[in-house]
Amino acid sequence: MIKVIETNLSIDDDNNIKDHQSRIIEIESWENYIDEIKETKTVVRKAYVGSMDGTTIPKEAKIENFTHDDFHLSCDVYNYLGCKSKKLVYVIK
């Protein structure tokens, strides 16, 4: 298991950040997590610290501008209503 910091930024129509939330979660592997996001799988995860439990990707979401490397992941997430958020993920070493 590895730990990642998962941050979600709520973005308004003018591309301004309205809100943000971060949490630390445990994942089985970085490669599996990347595939989850690419395939827009809704996976419920418990926060490693605190009470920020929730899903990795909302149901019926669309993903755009997806990029990743060995330690970072970034993408735009649009929920079923079309509301935009930016997902930023960092592997904790």
PDB file of N, CA and C in Angstrom:
ATOM      1  N   MET A   1       0.847  -1.181   0.000  1.00  0.00           N
ATOM      2  CA  MET A   1       0.000   0.000   0.000  1.00  0.00           C
ATOM      3  C   MET A   1       0.893   1.244   0.000  1.00  0.00           C
ATOM      4  N   ILE A   2       0.431   2.267  -0.725  1.00  0.00           N
ATOM      5  CA  ILE A   2       1.129   3.550  -0.718  1.00  0.00           C
ATOM      6  C   ILE A   2       0.133   4.648  -0.365  1.00  0.00           C
ATOM      7  N   LYS A   3       0.651   5.759   0.103  1.00  0.00           N
ATOM      8  CA  LYS A   3      -0.197   6.887   0.477  1.00  0.00           C
ATOM      9  C   LYS A   3      -0.055   7.996  -0.552  1.00  0.00           C
ATOM     10  N   VAL A   4      -1.185   8.663  -0.818  1.00  0.00           N
ATOM     11  CA  VAL A   4      -1.182   9.812  -1.718  1.00  0.00           C
ATOM     12  C   VAL A   4      -1.972  10.949  -1.082  1.00  0.00           C
ATOM     13  N   ILE A   5      -1.606  12.168  -1.465  1.00  0.00           N
ATOM     14  CA  ILE A   5      -2.399  13.340  -1.107  1.00  0.00           C
ATOM     15  C   ILE A   5      -3.278  13.636  -2.302  1.00  0.00           C
ATOM     16  N   GLU A   6      -4.573  13.623  -2.085  1.00  0.00           N
ATOM     17  CA  GLU A   6      -5.562  13.857  -3.138  1.00  0.00           C
ATOM     18  C   GLU A   6      -6.242  15.193  -2.853  1.00  0.00           C
ATOM     19  N   THR A   7      -6.108  16.146  -3.776  1.00  0.00           N
ATOM     20  CA  THR A   7      -6.685  17.477  -3.613  1.00  0.00           C
ATOM     21  C   THR A   7      -7.689  17.727  -4.721  1.00  0.00           C
ATOM     22  N   ASN A   8      -8.838  18.258  -4.356  1.00  0.00           N
ATOM     23  CA  ASN A   8      -9.872  18.624  -5.317  1.00  0.00           C
ATOM     24  C   ASN A   8     -10.161  20.117  -5.177  1.00  0.00           C
ATOM     25  N   LEU A   9     -10.075  20.822  -6.298  1.00  0.00           N
ATOM     26  CA  LEU A   9     -10.363  22.251  -6.343  1.00  0.00           C
ATOM     27  C   LEU A   9     -11.676  22.469  -7.084  1.00  0.00           C
ATOM     28  N   SER A  10     -12.652  23.089  -6.457  1.00  0.00           N
ATOM     29  CA  SER A  10     -13.899  23.450  -7.144  1.00  0.00           C
ATOM     30  C   SER A  10     -13.642  24.707  -7.957  1.00  0.00           C
ATOM     31  N   ILE A  11     -13.986  24.669  -9.240  1.00  0.00           N
ATOM     32  CA  ILE A  11     -13.697  25.756 -10.174  1.00  0.00           C
ATOM     33  C   ILE A  11     -15.013  26.362 -10.667  1.00  0.00           C
ATOM     34  N   ASP A  12     -15.117  27.708 -10.645  1.00  0.00           N
ATOM     35  CA  ASP A  12     -16.342  28.351 -11.131  1.00  0.00           C
ATOM     36  C   ASP A  12     -16.270  28.599 -12.643  1.00  0.00           C
ATOM     37  N   ASP A  13     -17.302  29.209 -13.199  1.00  0.00           N
ATOM     38  CA  ASP A  13     -17.385  29.447 -14.647  1.00  0.00           C
ATOM     39  C   ASP A  13     -16.315  30.393 -15.166  1.00  0.00           C
ATOM     40  N   ASP A  14     -15.740  31.219 -14.286  1.00  0.00           N
ATOM     41  CA  ASP A  14     -14.671  32.142 -14.674  1.00  0.00           C
ATOM     42  C   ASP A  14     -13.284  31.545 -14.425  1.00  0.00           C
ATOM     43  N   ASN A  15     -13.250  30.246 -14.124  1.00  0.00           N
ATOM     44  CA  ASN A  15     -12.010  29.502 -13.880  1.00  0.00           C
ATOM     45  C   ASN A  15     -11.310  29.915 -12.583  1.00  0.00           C
ATOM     46  N   ASN A  16     -12.083  30.404 -11.612  1.00  0.00           N
ATOM     47  CA  ASN A  16     -11.562  30.749 -10.293  1.00  0.00           C
ATOM     48  C   ASN A  16     -11.805  29.600  -9.324  1.00  0.00           C
ATOM     49  N   ILE A  17     -10.903  29.420  -8.374  1.00  0.00           N
ATOM     50  CA  ILE A  17     -11.076  28.398  -7.350  1.00  0.00           C
ATOM     51  C   ILE A  17     -12.111  28.878  -6.344  1.00  0.00           C
ATOM     52  N   LYS A  18     -13.188  28.092  -6.158  1.00  0.00           N
ATOM     53  CA  LYS A  18     -14.240  28.425  -5.193  1.00  0.00           C
ATOM     54  C   LYS A  18     -14.008  27.753  -3.852  1.00  0.00           C
ATOM     55  N   ASP A  19     -13.475  26.548  -3.882  1.00  0.00           N
ATOM     56  CA  ASP A  19     -13.286  25.760  -2.666  1.00  0.00           C
ATOM     57  C   ASP A  19     -12.201  24.727  -2.943  1.00  0.00           C
ATOM     58  N   HIS A  20     -11.651  24.168  -1.884  1.00  0.00           N
ATOM     59  CA  HIS A  20     -10.672  23.101  -2.053  1.00  0.00           C
ATOM     60  C   HIS A  20     -10.712  22.167  -0.855  1.00  0.00           C
ATOM     61  N   GLN A  21     -10.368  20.911  -1.113  1.00  0.00           N
ATOM     62  CA  GLN A  21     -10.289  19.905  -0.066  1.00  0.00           C
ATOM     63  C   GLN A  21      -9.122  18.987  -0.381  1.00  0.00           C
ATOM     64  N   SER A  22      -8.405  18.589   0.645  1.00  0.00           N
ATOM     65  CA  SER A  22      -7.310  17.631   0.486  1.00  0.00           C
ATOM     66  C   SER A  22      -7.475  16.533   1.515  1.00  0.00           C
ATOM     67  N   ARG A  23      -6.997  15.361   1.146  1.00  0.00           N
ATOM     68  CA  ARG A  23      -7.004  14.242   2.076  1.00  0.00           C
ATOM     69  C   ARG A  23      -5.859  13.307   1.721  1.00  0.00           C
ATOM     70  N   ILE A  24      -5.459  12.524   2.701  1.00  0.00           N
ATOM     71  CA  ILE A  24      -4.477  11.476   2.475  1.00  0.00           C
ATOM     72  C   ILE A  24      -5.243  10.161   2.433  1.00  0.00           C
ATOM     73  N   ILE A  25      -4.994   9.373   1.383  1.00  0.00           N
ATOM     74  CA  ILE A  25      -5.622   8.068   1.254  1.00  0.00           C
ATOM     75  C   ILE A  25      -4.548   7.024   0.972  1.00  0.00           C
ATOM     76  N   GLU A  26      -4.877   5.777   1.236  1.00  0.00           N
ATOM     77  CA  GLU A  26      -4.004   4.661   0.875  1.00  0.00           C
ATOM     78  C   GLU A  26      -4.551   3.999  -0.376  1.00  0.00           C
ATOM     79  N   ILE A  27      -3.647   3.667  -1.284  1.00  0.00           N
ATOM     80  CA  ILE A  27      -4.028   2.957  -2.507  1.00  0.00           C
ATOM     81  C   ILE A  27      -3.120   1.743  -2.653  1.00  0.00           C
ATOM     82  N   GLU A  28      -3.606   0.746  -3.388  1.00  0.00           N
ATOM     83  CA  GLU A  28      -2.819  -0.476  -3.558  1.00  0.00           C
ATOM     84  C   GLU A  28      -1.592  -0.240  -4.423  1.00  0.00           C
ATOM     85  N   SER A  29      -1.781   0.486  -5.533  1.00  0.00           N
ATOM     86  CA  SER A  29      -0.640   0.791  -6.394  1.00  0.00           C
ATOM     87  C   SER A  29      -0.940   2.057  -7.191  1.00  0.00           C
ATOM     88  N   TRP A  30       0.097   2.778  -7.538  1.00  0.00           N
ATOM     89  CA  TRP A  30      -0.022   3.997  -8.321  1.00  0.00           C
ATOM     90  C   TRP A  30      -0.599   3.692  -9.698  1.00  0.00           C
ATOM     91  N   GLU A  31      -0.151   2.606 -10.298  1.00  0.00           N
ATOM     92  CA  GLU A  31      -0.631   2.224 -11.628  1.00  0.00           C
ATOM     93  C   GLU A  31      -2.131   1.927 -11.616  1.00  0.00           C
ATOM     94  N   ASN A  32      -2.605   1.211 -10.600  1.00  0.00           N
ATOM     95  CA  ASN A  32      -4.046   0.914 -10.497  1.00  0.00           C
ATOM     96  C   ASN A  32      -4.855   2.185 -10.282  1.00  0.00           C
ATOM     97  N   TYR A  33      -4.336   3.088  -9.474  1.00  0.00           N
ATOM     98  CA  TYR A  33      -5.022   4.357  -9.214  1.00  0.00           C
ATOM     99  C   TYR A  33      -5.136   5.171 -10.508  1.00  0.00           C
ATOM    100  N   ILE A  34      -4.050   5.244 -11.277  1.00  0.00           N
ATOM    101  CA  ILE A  34      -4.067   5.949 -12.560  1.00  0.00           C
ATOM    102  C   ILE A  34      -5.130   5.353 -13.472  1.00  0.00           C
ATOM    103  N   ASP A  35      -5.201   4.026 -13.547  1.00  0.00           N
ATOM    104  CA  ASP A  35      -6.214   3.363 -14.372  1.00  0.00           C
ATOM    105  C   ASP A  35      -7.630   3.686 -13.904  1.00  0.00           C
ATOM    106  N   GLU A  36      -7.831   3.726 -12.583  1.00  0.00           N
ATOM    107  CA  GLU A  36      -9.139   4.098 -12.023  1.00  0.00           C
ATOM    108  C   GLU A  36      -9.598   5.455 -12.540  1.00  0.00           C
ATOM    109  N   ILE A  37      -8.685   6.417 -12.490  1.00  0.00           N
ATOM    110  CA  ILE A  37      -9.032   7.770 -12.918  1.00  0.00           C
ATOM    111  C   ILE A  37      -9.295   7.782 -14.420  1.00  0.00           C
ATOM    112  N   LYS A  38      -8.416   7.173 -15.193  1.00  0.00           N
ATOM    113  CA  LYS A  38      -8.592   7.116 -16.651  1.00  0.00           C
ATOM    114  C   LYS A  38      -9.942   6.514 -17.032  1.00  0.00           C
ATOM    115  N   GLU A  39     -10.327   5.469 -16.312  1.00  0.00           N
ATOM    116  CA  GLU A  39     -11.568   4.738 -16.614  1.00  0.00           C
ATOM    117  C   GLU A  39     -12.768   5.308 -15.868  1.00  0.00           C
ATOM    118  N   THR A  40     -12.597   6.413 -15.174  1.00  0.00           N
ATOM    119  CA  THR A  40     -13.628   7.083 -14.360  1.00  0.00           C
ATOM    120  C   THR A  40     -14.388   6.116 -13.452  1.00  0.00           C
ATOM    121  N   LYS A  41     -13.630   5.281 -12.770  1.00  0.00           N
ATOM    122  CA  LYS A  41     -14.233   4.357 -11.805  1.00  0.00           C
ATOM    123  C   LYS A  41     -14.502   5.097 -10.501  1.00  0.00           C
ATOM    124  N   THR A  42     -15.692   4.932  -9.976  1.00  0.00           N
ATOM    125  CA  THR A  42     -16.068   5.527  -8.698  1.00  0.00           C
ATOM    126  C   THR A  42     -15.697   4.545  -7.596  1.00  0.00           C
ATOM    127  N   VAL A  43     -14.674   4.869  -6.833  1.00  0.00           N
ATOM    128  CA  VAL A  43     -14.192   4.003  -5.763  1.00  0.00           C
ATOM    129  C   VAL A  43     -14.282   4.767  -4.446  1.00  0.00           C
ATOM    130  N   VAL A  44     -14.931   4.171  -3.468  1.00  0.00           N
ATOM    131  CA  VAL A  44     -15.058   4.790  -2.149  1.00  0.00           C
ATOM    132  C   VAL A  44     -13.784   4.493  -1.373  1.00  0.00           C
ATOM    133  N   ARG A  45     -13.224   5.532  -0.783  1.00  0.00           N
ATOM    134  CA  ARG A  45     -12.002   5.374   0.001  1.00  0.00           C
ATOM    135  C   ARG A  45     -12.138   6.105   1.328  1.00  0.00           C
ATOM    136  N   LYS A  46     -11.558   5.508   2.356  1.00  0.00           N
ATOM    137  CA  LYS A  46     -11.502   6.152   3.670  1.00  0.00           C
ATOM    138  C   LYS A  46     -10.249   7.006   3.744  1.00  0.00           C
ATOM    139  N   ALA A  47     -10.367   8.114   4.409  1.00  0.00           N
ATOM    140  CA  ALA A  47      -9.213   8.982   4.628  1.00  0.00           C
ATOM    141  C   ALA A  47      -8.249   8.293   5.586  1.00  0.00           C
ATOM    142  N   TYR A  48      -6.970   8.397   5.317  1.00  0.00           N
ATOM    143  CA  TYR A  48      -5.954   7.834   6.195  1.00  0.00           C
ATOM    144  C   TYR A  48      -5.853   8.667   7.479  1.00  0.00           C
ATOM    145  N   VAL A  49      -6.051   9.956   7.346  1.00  0.00           N
ATOM    146  CA  VAL A  49      -6.046  10.887   8.478  1.00  0.00           C
ATOM    147  C   VAL A  49      -7.342  11.690   8.410  1.00  0.00           C
ATOM    148  N   GLY A  50      -8.025  11.850   9.530  1.00  0.00           N
ATOM    149  CA  GLY A  50      -9.232  12.664   9.549  1.00  0.00           C
ATOM    150  C   GLY A  50     -10.464  11.927   9.051  1.00  0.00           C
ATOM    151  N   SER A  51     -11.467  12.708   8.645  1.00  0.00           N
ATOM    152  CA  SER A  51     -12.772  12.133   8.307  1.00  0.00           C
ATOM    153  C   SER A  51     -13.211  12.466   6.885  1.00  0.00           C
ATOM    154  N   MET A  52     -12.275  12.688   5.978  1.00  0.00           N
ATOM    155  CA  MET A  52     -12.608  13.062   4.599  1.00  0.00           C
ATOM    156  C   MET A  52     -12.813  11.818   3.728  1.00  0.00           C
ATOM    157  N   ASP A  53     -13.718  10.939   4.147  1.00  0.00           N
ATOM    158  CA  ASP A  53     -14.030   9.752   3.351  1.00  0.00           C
ATOM    159  C   ASP A  53     -14.846  10.172   2.138  1.00  0.00           C
ATOM    160  N   GLY A  54     -14.730   9.417   1.060  1.00  0.00           N
ATOM    161  CA  GLY A  54     -15.512   9.736  -0.125  1.00  0.00           C
ATOM    162  C   GLY A  54     -15.009   8.990  -1.344  1.00  0.00           C
ATOM    163  N   THR A  55     -15.531   9.375  -2.492  1.00  0.00           N
ATOM    164  CA  THR A  55     -15.183   8.702  -3.737  1.00  0.00           C
ATOM    165  C   THR A  55     -14.005   9.394  -4.422  1.00  0.00           C
ATOM    166  N   THR A  56     -13.279   8.606  -5.189  1.00  0.00           N
ATOM    167  CA  THR A  56     -12.171   9.146  -5.959  1.00  0.00           C
ATOM    168  C   THR A  56     -12.689  10.000  -7.108  1.00  0.00           C
ATOM    169  N   ILE A  57     -13.683   9.498  -7.819  1.00  0.00           N
ATOM    170  CA  ILE A  57     -14.311  10.201  -8.944  1.00  0.00           C
ATOM    171  C   ILE A  57     -15.825  10.095  -8.763  1.00  0.00           C
ATOM    172  N   PRO A  58     -16.586  11.185  -8.936  1.00  0.00           N
ATOM    173  CA  PRO A  58     -18.044  11.093  -8.821  1.00  0.00           C
ATOM    174  C   PRO A  58     -18.635  10.198  -9.910  1.00  0.00           C
ATOM    175  N   LYS A  59     -19.764   9.591  -9.611  1.00  0.00           N
ATOM    176  CA  LYS A  59     -20.464   8.782 -10.621  1.00  0.00           C
ATOM    177  C   LYS A  59     -20.815   9.649 -11.823  1.00  0.00           C
ATOM    178  N   GLU A  60     -20.728   9.056 -12.994  1.00  0.00           N
ATOM    179  CA  GLU A  60     -21.084   9.700 -14.264  1.00  0.00           C
ATOM    180  C   GLU A  60     -20.210  10.913 -14.582  1.00  0.00           C
ATOM    181  N   ALA A  61     -19.006  10.955 -14.029  1.00  0.00           N
ATOM    182  CA  ALA A  61     -18.102  12.082 -14.287  1.00  0.00           C
ATOM    183  C   ALA A  61     -17.413  11.924 -15.636  1.00  0.00           C
ATOM    184  N   LYS A  62     -16.925  13.035 -16.150  1.00  0.00           N
ATOM    185  CA  LYS A  62     -16.105  13.054 -17.358  1.00  0.00           C
ATOM    186  C   LYS A  62     -14.746  13.626 -16.982  1.00  0.00           C
ATOM    187  N   ILE A  63     -13.699  13.064 -17.574  1.00  0.00           N
ATOM    188  CA  ILE A  63     -12.333  13.465 -17.287  1.00  0.00           C
ATOM    189  C   ILE A  63     -11.732  14.126 -18.524  1.00  0.00           C
ATOM    190  N   GLU A  64     -11.045  15.247 -18.324  1.00  0.00           N
ATOM    191  CA  GLU A  64     -10.334  15.931 -19.406  1.00  0.00           C
ATOM    192  C   GLU A  64      -8.973  16.374 -18.892  1.00  0.00           C
ATOM    193  N   ASN A  65      -8.066  16.680 -19.820  1.00  0.00           N
ATOM    194  CA  ASN A  65      -6.740  17.208 -19.492  1.00  0.00           C
ATOM    195  C   ASN A  65      -5.986  16.322 -18.501  1.00  0.00           C
ATOM    196  N   PHE A  66      -6.048  15.028 -18.723  1.00  0.00           N
ATOM    197  CA  PHE A  66      -5.431  14.043 -17.839  1.00  0.00           C
ATOM    198  C   PHE A  66      -3.931  13.951 -18.105  1.00  0.00           C
ATOM    199  N   THR A  67      -3.120  14.141 -17.063  1.00  0.00           N
ATOM    200  CA  THR A  67      -1.671  13.953 -17.160  1.00  0.00           C
ATOM    201  C   THR A  67      -1.176  13.277 -15.880  1.00  0.00           C
ATOM    202  N   HIS A  68      -0.064  12.570 -16.005  1.00  0.00           N
ATOM    203  CA  HIS A  68       0.536  11.946 -14.822  1.00  0.00           C
ATOM    204  C   HIS A  68       1.990  11.610 -15.103  1.00  0.00           C
ATOM    205  N   ASP A  69       2.741  11.438 -14.013  1.00  0.00           N
ATOM    206  CA  ASP A  69       4.095  10.914 -14.079  1.00  0.00           C
ATOM    207  C   ASP A  69       4.244   9.948 -12.908  1.00  0.00           C
ATOM    208  N   ASP A  70       5.457   9.693 -12.460  1.00  0.00           N
ATOM    209  CA  ASP A  70       5.670   8.716 -11.394  1.00  0.00           C
ATOM    210  C   ASP A  70       5.202   9.188 -10.017  1.00  0.00           C
ATOM    211  N   PHE A  71       4.948  10.496  -9.859  1.00  0.00           N
ATOM    212  CA  PHE A  71       4.582  11.032  -8.547  1.00  0.00           C
ATOM    213  C   PHE A  71       3.370  11.964  -8.560  1.00  0.00           C
ATOM    214  N   HIS A  72       2.933  12.414  -9.751  1.00  0.00           N
ATOM    215  CA  HIS A  72       1.872  13.414  -9.858  1.00  0.00           C
ATOM    216  C   HIS A  72       0.767  12.941 -10.790  1.00  0.00           C
ATOM    217  N   LEU A  73      -0.432  13.412 -10.513  1.00  0.00           N
ATOM    218  CA  LEU A  73      -1.571  13.213 -11.412  1.00  0.00           C
ATOM    219  C   LEU A  73      -2.378  14.496 -11.395  1.00  0.00           C
ATOM    220  N   SER A  74      -2.872  14.885 -12.551  1.00  0.00           N
ATOM    221  CA  SER A  74      -3.694  16.083 -12.664  1.00  0.00           C
ATOM    222  C   SER A  74      -4.759  15.845 -13.728  1.00  0.00           C
ATOM    223  N   CYS A  75      -5.972  16.292 -13.461  1.00  0.00           N
ATOM    224  CA  CYS A  75      -7.032  16.213 -14.462  1.00  0.00           C
ATOM    225  C   CYS A  75      -8.173  17.146 -14.078  1.00  0.00           C
ATOM    226  N   ASP A  76      -8.995  17.467 -15.069  1.00  0.00           N
ATOM    227  CA  ASP A  76     -10.233  18.193 -14.840  1.00  0.00           C
ATOM    228  C   ASP A  76     -11.356  17.177 -14.758  1.00  0.00           C
ATOM    229  N   VAL A  77     -12.220  17.333 -13.776  1.00  0.00           N
ATOM    230  CA  VAL A  77     -13.336  16.413 -13.563  1.00  0.00           C
ATOM    231  C   VAL A  77     -14.625  17.209 -13.687  1.00  0.00           C
ATOM    232  N   TYR A  78     -15.533  16.734 -14.526  1.00  0.00           N
ATOM    233  CA  TYR A  78     -16.850  17.350 -14.684  1.00  0.00           C
ATOM    234  C   TYR A  78     -17.887  16.373 -14.156  1.00  0.00           C
ATOM    235  N   ASN A  79     -18.664  16.799 -13.145  1.00  0.00           N
ATOM    236  CA  ASN A  79     -19.697  15.914 -12.614  1.00  0.00           C
ATOM    237  C   ASN A  79     -20.885  15.859 -13.572  1.00  0.00           C
ATOM    238  N   TYR A  80     -21.912  15.097 -13.217  1.00  0.00           N
ATOM    239  CA  TYR A  80     -23.051  14.891 -14.115  1.00  0.00           C
ATOM    240  C   TYR A  80     -23.816  16.187 -14.417  1.00  0.00           C
ATOM    241  N   LEU A  81     -23.631  17.224 -13.595  1.00  0.00           N
ATOM    242  CA  LEU A  81     -24.269  18.525 -13.843  1.00  0.00           C
ATOM    243  C   LEU A  81     -23.372  19.449 -14.666  1.00  0.00           C
ATOM    244  N   GLY A  82     -22.136  19.006 -14.942  1.00  0.00           N
ATOM    245  CA  GLY A  82     -21.198  19.819 -15.702  1.00  0.00           C
ATOM    246  C   GLY A  82     -20.325  20.726 -14.850  1.00  0.00           C
ATOM    247  N   CYS A  83     -20.423  20.607 -13.515  1.00  0.00           N
ATOM    248  CA  CYS A  83     -19.588  21.415 -12.626  1.00  0.00           C
ATOM    249  C   CYS A  83     -18.150  20.903 -12.678  1.00  0.00           C
ATOM    250  N   LYS A  84     -17.216  21.842 -12.773  1.00  0.00           N
ATOM    251  CA  LYS A  84     -15.807  21.494 -12.947  1.00  0.00           C
ATOM    252  C   LYS A  84     -15.040  21.497 -11.635  1.00  0.00           C
ATOM    253  N   SER A  85     -14.163  20.525 -11.503  1.00  0.00           N
ATOM    254  CA  SER A  85     -13.178  20.530 -10.429  1.00  0.00           C
ATOM    255  C   SER A  85     -11.843  20.075 -11.000  1.00  0.00           C
ATOM    256  N   LYS A  86     -10.792  20.464 -10.349  1.00  0.00           N
ATOM    257  CA  LYS A  86      -9.445  20.052 -10.727  1.00  0.00           C
ATOM    258  C   LYS A  86      -8.967  19.065  -9.676  1.00  0.00           C
ATOM    259  N   LYS A  87      -8.508  17.896 -10.117  1.00  0.00           N
ATOM    260  CA  LYS A  87      -7.969  16.895  -9.205  1.00  0.00           C
ATOM    261  C   LYS A  87      -6.455  16.909  -9.330  1.00  0.00           C
ATOM    262  N   LEU A  88      -5.770  17.035  -8.185  1.00  0.00           N
ATOM    263  CA  LEU A  88      -4.326  16.989  -8.103  1.00  0.00           C
ATOM    264  C   LEU A  88      -3.947  15.911  -7.110  1.00  0.00           C
ATOM    265  N   VAL A  89      -3.056  15.011  -7.495  1.00  0.00           N
ATOM    266  CA  VAL A  89      -2.670  13.912  -6.619  1.00  0.00           C
ATOM    267  C   VAL A  89      -1.152  13.820  -6.585  1.00  0.00           C
ATOM    268  N   TYR A  90      -0.622  13.561  -5.390  1.00  0.00           N
ATOM    269  CA  TYR A  90       0.824  13.458  -5.205  1.00  0.00           C
ATOM    270  C   TYR A  90       1.145  12.230  -4.368  1.00  0.00           C
ATOM    271  N   VAL A  91       2.074  11.422  -4.841  1.00  0.00           N
ATOM    272  CA  VAL A  91       2.500  10.229  -4.114  1.00  0.00           C
ATOM    273  C   VAL A  91       3.425  10.659  -2.972  1.00  0.00           C
ATOM    274  N   ILE A  92       3.121  10.185  -1.769  1.00  0.00           N
ATOM    275  CA  ILE A  92       3.955  10.465  -0.607  1.00  0.00           C
ATOM    276  C   ILE A  92       5.016   9.371  -0.525  1.00  0.00           C
ATOM    277  N   LYS A  93       6.249   9.772  -0.497  1.00  0.00           N
ATOM    278  CA  LYS A  93       7.364   8.801  -0.408  1.00  0.00           C
ATOM    279  C   LYS A  93       7.927   8.788   0.979  1.00  0.00           C
TER     280      LYS A  93
END
